[in-house]
Amino acid sequence: MQQNHKKALQDPIFKILSDAASGLALESYVIGGFVRDYILDRGTHKDIDIVSIGSGIALAEKVASMLPGNPKISIFKNFGTAMLRHHDMELEFVGARKESYQRDSRKPIVEDGTLKEDQERRDFTINALALSLNKENFGDLLDPFEGVLDLDKKIIRTPLEPCVTYSDDPLRMMRAIRFATQLNFEIELRSLQAITENKERIKIISAERTVDELHKIMACEKPSIGFSLLHNTGLLDYILPELTALEGIEEVEGQRHKDNFWHTLEVVDNIAQTTDDLWLRWAALLHDIGKAPTKKFSKKVGWTFHGHEFVGSKMVYKLFKRLRMPLNDKMKFVQKMVLMSSRPIVLAEDFATDSAVRRLVFDAGDYVEDLITLCEADITTKNPRKQKKYKNNFKLVRAKIVEVEERDHIRNFQPPVSGEEIIKTFNLKPSKEIGIIKAAIKEAILEGEIPNEYQSAYEYMLELGKNMGLSIINEKKR
């Protein structure tokens, strides 16, 4: 029996779409994510894909003429698609088509096709579901590949032979893993094997497209699902080899180190529970990448990763550049988090002195709370006593940061005494003495020797100048 889902098409826009299609005598259907998410009851999908047996562009133009304000249409003639916005919805129109591919490209050779041929070219059965917009069967579900059954079983499966689907368009391998992560579905075994067999094909996909899927995986409730699948299929070796280099446990003379790859995935899952900030999640993913190139063993101390934070922060730039990610303040933020990722841990393990907290706030600036959040996520010990102890210690560090910041105002520190005033006071020309005095004042404030306020800093400056043998030319009256 044909399932009917008129309820999914209650918004007035679907009546307009149906009337426009009828006026042009075009068979038309809503297809893809909107239908999938309606059946999964995942809320209203604002991106609506409409496929017509004929010209999608003609249908878009007809719909626009029937909408108030006659909205502007974006037409992509090369692809035979058109797009328009209506309220908070984005409608994309395309003519039904069949596709064939050449080995060295994911750009298909496109021909007009039937609805079934259009559904066959879709990436997954759950995205090939279509609802009729035609008057005679409005709301009927067309499901030739049992996509509804796959939704029920929580399975990601391709309409056609998976090796063909993934080889034709290797980005679908990333999409399979992304949907598995977003929906908490399993990838069908044949499909998973096909991804492994075709993993090398990912090299023909642009970095931008790959990163777009990585961002979506990173934004999921449990990103480790996606990164585990990327790793197990071998895709991660081509995309983020810096991560896979962390895998493995070595043992020398009975001494072992933890597996930093699987630890990293735990950290990413931990941070995903506390923040939606994409770039802080990236910082969690990359916080230990410097450990692979810095790993050493010595009989005295065992395994060490000296300077891994510094090395890792340098690697962030190269990684972002290779993946064509932004080399702006987002990249600098991730670099800073990686560089400073161990600093609060040292404070949490020991008694946090005012001086140490002042230096942390000075160096981290506005990002100090993000840094603590990252370090809290880095607690992956399975020992309940240790976990409780570390978490309590971080609470103390957070409280100390608030206390020190309220008193000393170190965040985004500006020297109370400017270089110009030092020059004027001692009648100096630009010279190293100015830098020495400024650095000494900053150190005195961070060490708590003087408060972070003008008068104390000014008096300290006079004392420094005197000890350096400088003549005071312009002393302010106190």
Protein backbone atom coordinates (compact mmCIF):
# COMPACT_ATOMS: atom_id res chain seq x y z
CA MET A 1 0.00 0.00 0.00
CA GLN A 2 1.29 3.48 -0.96
CA GLN A 3 2.19 5.58 2.09
CA ASN A 4 0.86 9.13 2.08
CA HIS A 5 2.56 11.96 3.95
CA LYS A 6 0.40 15.01 3.23
CA LYS A 7 1.15 16.14 6.78
CA ALA A 8 4.76 16.80 5.74
CA LEU A 9 3.53 19.20 3.04
CA GLN A 10 1.26 21.42 5.18
CA ASP A 11 3.30 24.61 4.68
CA PRO A 12 1.57 26.88 2.06
CA ILE A 13 4.73 26.79 -0.08
CA PHE A 14 3.96 23.19 -1.09
CA LYS A 15 0.51 24.16 -2.44
CA ILE A 16 2.21 26.86 -4.54
CA LEU A 17 4.80 24.33 -5.77
CA SER A 18 2.03 21.87 -6.67
CA ASP A 19 -0.03 24.52 -8.51
CA ALA A 20 3.04 25.76 -10.42
CA ALA A 21 4.00 22.21 -11.45
CA SER A 22 0.42 21.49 -12.51
CA GLY A 23 0.30 24.71 -14.59
CA LEU A 24 3.44 23.63 -16.46
CA ALA A 25 2.34 19.98 -16.69
CA LEU A 26 5.59 18.98 -14.94
CA GLU A 27 5.73 15.94 -12.67
CA SER A 28 7.45 17.24 -9.53
CA TYR A 29 8.60 15.85 -6.19
CA VAL A 30 10.22 16.94 -2.92
CA ILE A 31 13.29 14.74 -2.46
CA GLY A 32 16.22 14.21 -0.10
CA GLY A 33 16.93 15.63 3.34
CA PHE A 34 13.54 17.26 3.89
CA VAL A 35 11.76 13.90 3.45
CA ARG A 36 14.37 11.98 5.45
CA ASP A 37 14.24 14.35 8.43
CA TYR A 38 10.43 14.48 8.39
CA ILE A 39 10.24 10.67 8.66
CA LEU A 40 12.91 10.70 11.39
CA ASP A 41 10.98 13.48 13.18
CA ARG A 42 14.14 15.59 13.37
CA GLY A 43 12.34 18.93 13.08
CA THR A 44 11.61 21.15 10.11
CA HIS A 45 14.23 21.05 7.35
CA LYS A 46 14.70 24.51 5.83
CA ASP A 47 16.54 23.31 2.70
CA ILE A 48 13.98 21.88 0.26
CA ASP A 49 15.08 20.05 -2.90
CA ILE A 50 12.51 19.80 -5.71
CA VAL A 51 13.04 17.52 -8.70
CA SER A 52 10.96 17.80 -11.88
CA ILE A 53 10.62 15.48 -14.83
CA GLY A 54 11.61 18.29 -17.19
CA SER A 55 13.02 21.76 -16.54
CA GLY A 56 13.67 22.61 -12.91
CA ILE A 57 14.58 26.16 -13.96
CA ALA A 58 11.16 26.67 -15.60
CA LEU A 59 9.44 25.48 -12.40
CA ALA A 60 11.56 27.85 -10.28
CA GLU A 61 10.60 30.79 -12.50
CA LYS A 62 6.90 29.86 -12.31
CA VAL A 63 7.03 29.52 -8.50
CA ALA A 64 8.82 32.88 -8.13
CA SER A 65 6.11 34.58 -10.20
CA MET A 66 3.45 33.21 -7.82
CA LEU A 67 5.20 34.29 -4.60
CA PRO A 68 4.70 37.75 -3.04
CA GLY A 69 7.51 40.13 -3.98
CA ASN A 70 8.57 37.92 -6.91
CA PRO A 71 11.82 36.75 -5.21
CA LYS A 72 15.11 36.72 -7.12
CA ILE A 73 16.15 33.42 -8.63
CA SER A 74 19.74 32.20 -8.84
CA ILE A 75 20.08 30.14 -12.02
CA PHE A 76 22.96 27.75 -12.72
CA LYS A 77 22.44 26.83 -16.38
CA ASN A 78 25.50 24.56 -16.56
CA PHE A 79 23.97 22.34 -13.87
CA GLY A 80 20.34 22.85 -14.87
CA THR A 81 19.49 24.05 -11.37
CA ALA A 82 17.86 27.12 -9.84
CA MET A 83 17.51 28.40 -6.29
CA LEU A 84 15.29 30.89 -4.50
CA ARG A 85 14.67 31.93 -0.92
CA HIS A 86 11.22 32.18 0.60
CA HIS A 87 11.01 33.37 4.23
CA ASP A 88 13.55 31.15 6.05
CA MET A 89 13.45 28.40 3.41
CA GLU A 90 15.90 27.74 0.61
CA LEU A 91 14.29 26.02 -2.38
CA GLU A 92 16.51 24.29 -4.93
CA PHE A 93 15.03 23.10 -8.25
CA VAL A 94 16.54 20.56 -10.63
CA GLY A 95 15.35 18.49 -13.56
CA ALA A 96 15.43 14.71 -13.06
CA ARG A 97 18.66 13.37 -14.48
CA LYS A 98 20.88 10.36 -14.87
CA GLU A 99 24.64 10.58 -14.54
CA SER A 100 27.78 8.85 -15.75
CA TYR A 101 31.31 9.52 -14.51
CA GLN A 102 34.87 9.48 -15.78
CA ARG A 103 37.58 7.94 -13.59
CA ASP A 104 39.57 11.13 -12.98
CA SER A 105 36.68 13.43 -12.06
CA ARG A 106 33.72 13.61 -9.72
CA LYS A 107 31.93 15.89 -12.23
CA PRO A 108 29.29 13.75 -13.97
CA ILE A 109 28.11 13.67 -17.57
CA VAL A 110 24.44 14.55 -17.11
CA GLU A 111 21.43 13.56 -19.22
CA ASP A 112 17.69 14.02 -18.68
CA GLY A 113 16.21 11.09 -16.79
CA THR A 114 13.20 9.61 -15.06
CA LEU A 115 12.42 9.99 -11.36
CA LYS A 116 13.76 6.48 -10.69
CA GLU A 117 17.01 7.29 -12.52
CA ASP A 118 17.30 10.46 -10.46
CA GLN A 119 16.76 8.48 -7.26
CA GLU A 120 19.38 5.95 -8.36
CA ARG A 121 22.03 8.67 -8.65
CA ARG A 122 21.44 9.80 -5.03
CA ASP A 123 24.14 8.95 -2.53
CA PHE A 124 22.08 6.90 -0.03
CA THR A 125 18.71 5.19 0.08
CA ILE A 126 17.65 7.46 2.96
CA ASN A 127 18.31 10.49 0.74
CA ALA A 128 16.46 9.04 -2.28
CA LEU A 129 13.03 9.29 -0.65
CA ALA A 130 10.57 11.49 -2.59
CA LEU A 131 7.14 12.98 -1.84
CA SER A 132 4.83 13.71 -4.77
CA LEU A 133 3.72 17.30 -5.42
CA ASN A 134 1.37 16.15 -8.20
CA LYS A 135 -2.37 16.74 -7.81
CA GLU A 136 -3.39 13.12 -8.39
CA ASN A 137 -1.13 11.64 -5.67
CA PHE A 138 -0.07 14.67 -3.56
CA GLY A 139 1.97 13.51 -0.55
CA ASP A 140 2.56 9.94 -1.75
CA LEU A 141 5.99 8.54 -0.80
CA LEU A 142 8.12 7.07 -3.59
CA ASP A 143 10.71 4.75 -2.05
CA PRO A 144 12.13 2.36 -4.68
CA PHE A 145 15.21 1.39 -2.61
CA GLU A 146 13.54 0.76 0.79
CA GLY A 147 14.99 3.90 2.34
CA VAL A 148 12.27 3.95 5.01
CA LEU A 149 13.32 0.44 6.07
CA ASP A 150 16.94 1.66 6.30
CA LEU A 151 15.80 4.61 8.44
CA ASP A 152 14.04 2.13 10.72
CA LYS A 153 17.13 -0.13 10.87
CA LYS A 154 19.45 2.90 11.24
CA ILE A 155 21.52 1.88 8.22
CA ILE A 156 23.50 3.91 5.67
CA ARG A 157 23.25 2.10 2.31
CA THR A 158 23.71 3.14 -1.33
CA PRO A 159 20.95 2.72 -3.94
CA LEU A 160 23.39 1.17 -6.42
CA GLU A 161 26.45 -1.06 -6.00
CA PRO A 162 28.50 0.79 -3.32
CA CYS A 163 31.83 0.53 -5.17
CA VAL A 164 30.23 2.29 -8.15
CA THR A 165 28.65 4.98 -5.95
CA TYR A 166 31.88 5.77 -4.07
CA SER A 167 34.22 5.51 -7.04
CA ASP A 168 31.99 7.80 -9.12
CA ASP A 169 31.89 10.50 -6.44
CA PRO A 170 34.39 9.85 -3.62
CA LEU A 171 32.97 12.71 -1.53
CA ARG A 172 30.10 10.30 -0.80
CA MET A 173 32.52 8.30 1.38
CA MET A 174 32.89 11.35 3.63
CA ARG A 175 29.13 11.94 3.50
CA ALA A 176 28.41 8.32 4.53
CA ILE A 177 30.62 8.75 7.58
CA ARG A 178 29.16 12.18 8.35
CA PHE A 179 25.55 10.87 8.22
CA ALA A 180 26.51 7.86 10.36
CA THR A 181 27.91 10.31 12.93
CA GLN A 182 25.04 12.81 12.79
CA LEU A 183 22.25 10.22 12.91
CA ASN A 184 24.10 7.61 14.99
CA PHE A 185 23.50 5.08 12.17
CA GLU A 186 25.68 2.19 11.03
CA ILE A 187 27.20 2.00 7.56
CA GLU A 188 26.14 -1.25 5.88
CA LEU A 189 29.06 -3.73 5.80
CA ARG A 190 29.30 -3.87 1.95
CA SER A 191 29.31 -0.09 1.91
CA LEU A 192 32.01 0.11 4.58
CA GLN A 193 34.18 -2.34 2.64
CA ALA A 194 33.64 -0.30 -0.54
CA ILE A 195 34.84 2.85 1.23
CA THR A 196 38.00 1.03 2.35
CA GLU A 197 38.59 -0.26 -1.20
CA ASN A 198 38.09 3.20 -2.73
CA LYS A 199 39.82 5.29 -0.03
CA GLU A 200 42.58 6.48 -2.37
CA ARG A 201 39.94 8.10 -4.60
CA ILE A 202 39.47 10.78 -1.92
CA LYS A 203 42.56 12.45 -3.44
CA ILE A 204 40.47 13.83 -6.33
CA ILE A 205 38.18 15.72 -3.91
CA SER A 206 39.03 19.36 -3.23
CA ALA A 207 40.30 20.25 0.25
CA GLU A 208 37.39 22.66 0.70
CA ARG A 209 34.79 19.91 0.15
CA THR A 210 36.62 17.52 2.45
CA VAL A 211 36.90 20.13 5.21
CA ASP A 212 33.20 20.97 4.90
CA GLU A 213 32.40 17.36 5.79
CA LEU A 214 35.02 17.36 8.58
CA HIS A 215 33.37 20.45 10.08
CA LYS A 216 30.00 18.69 10.04
CA ILE A 217 31.50 15.61 11.73
CA MET A 218 33.20 17.87 14.28
CA ALA A 219 29.87 19.58 15.04
CA CYS A 220 28.19 16.27 15.96
CA GLU A 221 27.28 15.22 19.47
CA LYS A 222 29.93 12.48 19.42
CA PRO A 223 32.60 13.31 16.79
CA SER A 224 34.66 10.20 17.65
CA ILE A 225 32.14 8.06 15.73
CA GLY A 226 33.14 9.83 12.51
CA PHE A 227 36.87 9.96 13.21
CA SER A 228 36.92 6.26 14.16
CA LEU A 229 35.22 5.42 10.84
CA LEU A 230 37.61 7.69 8.92
CA HIS A 231 40.49 5.89 10.63
CA ASN A 232 39.17 2.34 10.24
CA THR A 233 38.48 2.81 6.50
CA GLY A 234 41.92 4.35 5.90
CA LEU A 235 40.54 7.74 4.77
CA LEU A 236 42.15 9.57 7.69
CA ASP A 237 45.64 8.70 6.41
CA TYR A 238 44.91 10.85 3.33
CA ILE A 239 43.14 13.68 5.15
CA LEU A 240 44.83 14.09 8.55
CA PRO A 241 47.99 11.95 8.65
CA GLU A 242 49.15 14.04 11.64
CA LEU A 243 46.40 12.33 13.66
CA THR A 244 46.96 8.74 12.55
CA ALA A 245 50.67 9.18 13.35
CA LEU A 246 49.61 9.32 17.02
CA GLU A 247 48.19 5.79 17.03
CA GLY A 248 49.92 2.93 18.77
CA ILE A 249 51.52 2.05 22.07
CA GLU A 250 55.26 1.36 22.21
CA GLU A 251 56.90 -0.54 25.02
CA VAL A 252 60.59 -0.36 25.87
CA GLU A 253 62.03 -2.06 28.96
CA GLY A 254 58.58 -2.52 30.39
CA GLN A 255 57.64 1.16 30.02
CA ARG A 256 54.68 2.11 27.81
CA HIS A 257 52.99 5.34 26.77
CA LYS A 258 49.26 5.77 26.16
CA ASP A 259 47.77 5.63 22.67
CA ASN A 260 47.55 9.33 21.88
CA PHE A 261 45.21 8.86 18.90
CA TRP A 262 42.38 7.21 20.85
CA HIS A 263 43.05 9.57 23.77
CA THR A 264 42.56 12.50 21.36
CA LEU A 265 39.17 11.18 20.24
CA GLU A 266 38.10 10.94 23.89
CA VAL A 267 39.14 14.56 24.41
CA VAL A 268 37.11 15.68 21.37
CA ASP A 269 34.03 13.84 22.68
CA ASN A 270 34.55 15.40 26.13
CA ILE A 271 34.78 18.93 24.76
CA ALA A 272 31.73 18.34 22.52
CA GLN A 273 29.70 17.91 25.73
CA THR A 274 30.59 21.40 26.92
CA THR A 275 30.94 23.66 23.83
CA ASP A 276 29.60 24.08 20.30
CA ASP A 277 32.61 26.23 19.36
CA LEU A 278 33.92 24.58 16.18
CA TRP A 279 37.43 25.98 16.55
CA LEU A 280 37.76 24.91 20.18
CA ARG A 281 36.77 21.43 19.03
CA TRP A 282 39.49 21.64 16.36
CA ALA A 283 41.95 22.63 19.10
CA ALA A 284 40.94 19.49 21.03
CA LEU A 285 41.48 17.36 17.91
CA LEU A 286 44.95 18.83 17.29
CA HIS A 287 46.17 19.45 20.83
CA ASP A 288 48.56 16.46 20.83
CA ILE A 289 49.68 16.33 17.17
CA GLY A 290 53.19 17.40 18.20
CA LYS A 291 53.63 14.19 20.22
CA ALA A 292 54.43 11.96 17.23
CA PRO A 293 57.49 13.94 16.06
CA THR A 294 58.75 14.62 19.63
CA LYS A 295 58.40 11.11 21.11
CA LYS A 296 61.62 9.86 22.73
CA PHE A 297 62.62 7.16 25.19
CA SER A 298 65.40 7.38 27.75
CA LYS A 299 66.29 4.93 30.49
CA LYS A 300 66.27 7.71 33.10
CA VAL A 301 62.76 9.12 32.57
CA GLY A 302 61.05 6.74 30.14
CA TRP A 303 58.85 8.14 27.36
CA THR A 304 58.89 11.91 26.83
CA PHE A 305 57.27 14.35 24.42
CA HIS A 306 59.33 17.46 25.21
CA GLY A 307 58.18 20.58 23.42
CA HIS A 308 55.23 18.82 21.76
CA GLU A 309 52.99 21.85 22.34
CA PHE A 310 55.37 24.19 20.49
CA VAL A 311 55.92 21.70 17.65
CA GLY A 312 52.18 21.03 17.47
CA SER A 313 51.33 24.73 17.21
CA LYS A 314 53.71 25.03 14.23
CA MET A 315 52.07 21.98 12.64
CA VAL A 316 48.64 23.64 12.92
CA TYR A 317 49.63 26.30 10.37
CA LYS A 318 50.86 23.72 7.84
CA LEU A 319 47.76 21.58 8.34
CA PHE A 320 45.36 24.52 7.92
CA LYS A 321 47.24 25.66 4.80
CA ARG A 322 47.17 22.17 3.24
CA LEU A 323 43.44 21.79 3.89
CA ARG A 324 42.76 25.36 2.70
CA MET A 325 41.26 26.30 6.03
CA PRO A 326 41.28 29.96 7.13
CA LEU A 327 44.76 31.26 8.01
CA ASN A 328 43.25 34.09 10.06
CA ASP A 329 42.33 34.58 13.72
CA LYS A 330 40.61 31.13 13.74
CA MET A 331 43.91 29.42 12.92
CA LYS A 332 45.77 31.61 15.42
CA PHE A 333 43.24 30.68 18.11
CA VAL A 334 43.79 26.95 17.48
CA GLN A 335 47.56 27.50 17.47
CA LYS A 336 47.39 29.32 20.80
CA MET A 337 45.25 26.61 22.38
CA VAL A 338 47.67 23.89 21.19
CA LEU A 339 50.72 25.88 22.35
CA MET A 340 49.26 26.48 25.82
CA SER A 341 47.41 23.17 26.20
CA SER A 342 49.60 21.88 29.06
CA ARG A 343 49.92 25.11 31.05
CA PRO A 344 46.73 24.88 33.16
CA ILE A 345 47.33 21.14 33.71
CA VAL A 346 50.56 21.98 35.55
CA LEU A 347 48.64 24.49 37.69
CA ALA A 348 45.89 21.95 38.42
CA GLU A 349 48.45 19.32 39.51
CA ASP A 350 50.27 21.70 41.83
CA PHE A 351 49.27 24.59 44.07
CA ALA A 352 48.31 27.47 41.81
CA THR A 353 50.26 30.52 42.95
CA ASP A 354 49.00 34.02 42.19
CA SER A 355 52.08 34.60 40.06
CA ALA A 356 51.50 31.46 37.95
CA VAL A 357 47.82 32.38 37.45
CA ARG A 358 48.73 35.97 36.50
CA ARG A 359 51.13 34.64 33.84
CA LEU A 360 48.50 32.24 32.51
CA VAL A 361 45.92 35.03 32.19
CA PHE A 362 48.53 37.35 30.65
CA ASP A 363 49.52 34.80 28.01
CA ALA A 364 46.01 33.46 27.25
CA GLY A 365 44.19 36.80 27.36
CA ASP A 366 40.53 36.53 26.37
CA TYR A 367 40.97 32.83 25.64
CA VAL A 368 41.78 31.73 29.19
CA GLU A 369 38.32 30.20 29.81
CA ASP A 370 38.54 28.29 26.49
CA LEU A 371 41.96 27.01 27.52
CA ILE A 372 40.65 25.72 30.85
CA THR A 373 37.70 24.08 29.04
CA LEU A 374 40.19 22.31 26.74
CA CYS A 375 42.28 21.13 29.66
CA GLU A 376 39.24 19.83 31.55
CA ALA A 377 38.30 17.84 28.42
CA ASP A 378 41.84 16.44 28.43
CA ILE A 379 41.04 14.49 31.63
CA THR A 380 40.52 10.97 30.28
CA THR A 381 41.72 8.90 33.23
CA LYS A 382 39.45 5.96 34.05
CA ASN A 383 40.41 6.18 37.74
CA PRO A 384 37.38 7.82 39.47
CA ARG A 385 39.50 9.14 42.36
CA LYS A 386 42.02 10.81 40.02
CA GLN A 387 39.27 12.17 37.78
CA LYS A 388 37.47 13.76 40.74
CA LYS A 389 40.74 15.21 42.03
CA TYR A 390 41.68 16.79 38.66
CA LYS A 391 38.20 18.23 38.15
CA ASN A 392 38.18 19.74 41.63
CA ASN A 393 41.65 21.20 41.01
CA PHE A 394 40.44 22.89 37.81
CA LYS A 395 37.53 24.39 39.75
CA LEU A 396 40.10 25.90 42.12
CA VAL A 397 42.14 27.21 39.16
CA ARG A 398 39.00 28.83 37.65
CA ALA A 399 38.18 30.47 40.99
CA LYS A 400 41.79 31.69 41.33
CA ILE A 401 41.68 33.19 37.81
CA VAL A 402 38.55 35.19 38.73
CA GLU A 403 40.10 36.35 42.01
CA VAL A 404 43.43 37.39 40.45
CA GLU A 405 41.79 39.06 37.44
CA GLU A 406 39.44 41.11 39.62
CA ARG A 407 42.36 42.33 41.69
CA ASP A 408 45.17 42.68 39.16
CA HIS A 409 43.42 43.24 35.77
CA ILE A 410 46.08 41.29 33.83
CA ARG A 411 43.89 40.21 30.92
CA ASN A 412 44.83 42.08 27.73
CA PHE A 413 47.58 43.73 29.76
CA GLN A 414 48.70 47.23 28.75
CA PRO A 415 51.83 48.60 30.50
CA PRO A 416 50.81 51.27 33.07
CA VAL A 417 53.86 53.30 31.97
CA SER A 418 54.30 53.82 28.23
CA GLY A 419 57.52 53.81 26.23
CA GLU A 420 56.98 57.51 25.49
CA GLU A 421 56.94 58.31 29.19
CA ILE A 422 60.15 56.36 29.78
CA ILE A 423 61.83 58.32 26.94
CA LYS A 424 60.59 61.63 28.34
CA THR A 425 61.53 60.86 31.97
CA PHE A 426 65.12 59.87 31.18
CA ASN A 427 65.56 61.93 27.98
CA LEU A 428 66.40 58.78 26.04
CA LYS A 429 66.63 58.15 22.32
CA PRO A 430 65.09 54.90 21.02
CA SER A 431 67.30 52.24 22.62
CA LYS A 432 67.35 48.83 24.30
CA GLU A 433 67.08 50.48 27.73
CA ILE A 434 63.44 51.36 27.02
CA GLY A 435 62.59 47.70 26.31
CA ILE A 436 64.51 46.56 29.40
CA ILE A 437 62.53 48.94 31.65
CA LYS A 438 59.17 48.00 30.11
CA ALA A 439 59.92 44.27 30.47
CA ALA A 440 61.06 44.72 34.09
CA ILE A 441 57.84 46.58 35.00
CA LYS A 442 55.76 43.83 33.38
CA GLU A 443 57.70 41.12 35.26
CA ALA A 444 57.30 42.97 38.58
CA ILE A 445 53.52 43.15 38.06
CA LEU A 446 53.25 39.48 37.04
CA GLU A 447 55.36 38.40 40.01
CA GLY A 448 53.20 40.49 42.35
CA GLU A 449 56.07 42.75 43.43
CA ILE A 450 54.04 45.83 42.51
CA PRO A 451 50.30 46.28 41.81
CA ASN A 452 49.09 46.78 38.25
CA GLU A 453 48.50 50.53 38.55
CA TYR A 454 50.20 53.67 37.29
CA GLN A 455 51.74 55.27 40.40
CA SER A 456 53.45 52.09 41.60
CA ALA A 457 54.74 51.34 38.11
CA TYR A 458 56.01 54.93 37.74
CA GLU A 459 57.94 54.78 41.03
CA TYR A 460 59.33 51.38 40.08
CA MET A 461 60.47 52.84 36.75
CA LEU A 462 62.36 55.66 38.53
CA GLU A 463 64.08 53.11 40.75
CA LEU A 464 65.04 50.97 37.75
CA GLY A 465 66.45 53.99 35.90
CA LYS A 466 68.48 55.01 38.92
CA ASN A 467 69.96 51.49 39.21
CA MET A 468 70.81 51.57 35.50
CA GLY A 469 72.64 54.87 35.91
CA LEU A 470 70.10 56.90 33.96
CA SER A 471 69.54 60.56 34.75
CA ILE A 472 66.01 61.62 35.62
CA ILE A 473 65.28 64.70 33.49
CA ASN A 474 61.50 65.02 33.85
CA GLU A 475 60.23 63.65 37.16
CA LYS A 476 56.54 64.14 37.86
CA LYS A 477 55.72 65.75 41.16
CA ARG A 478 54.08 63.30 43.51
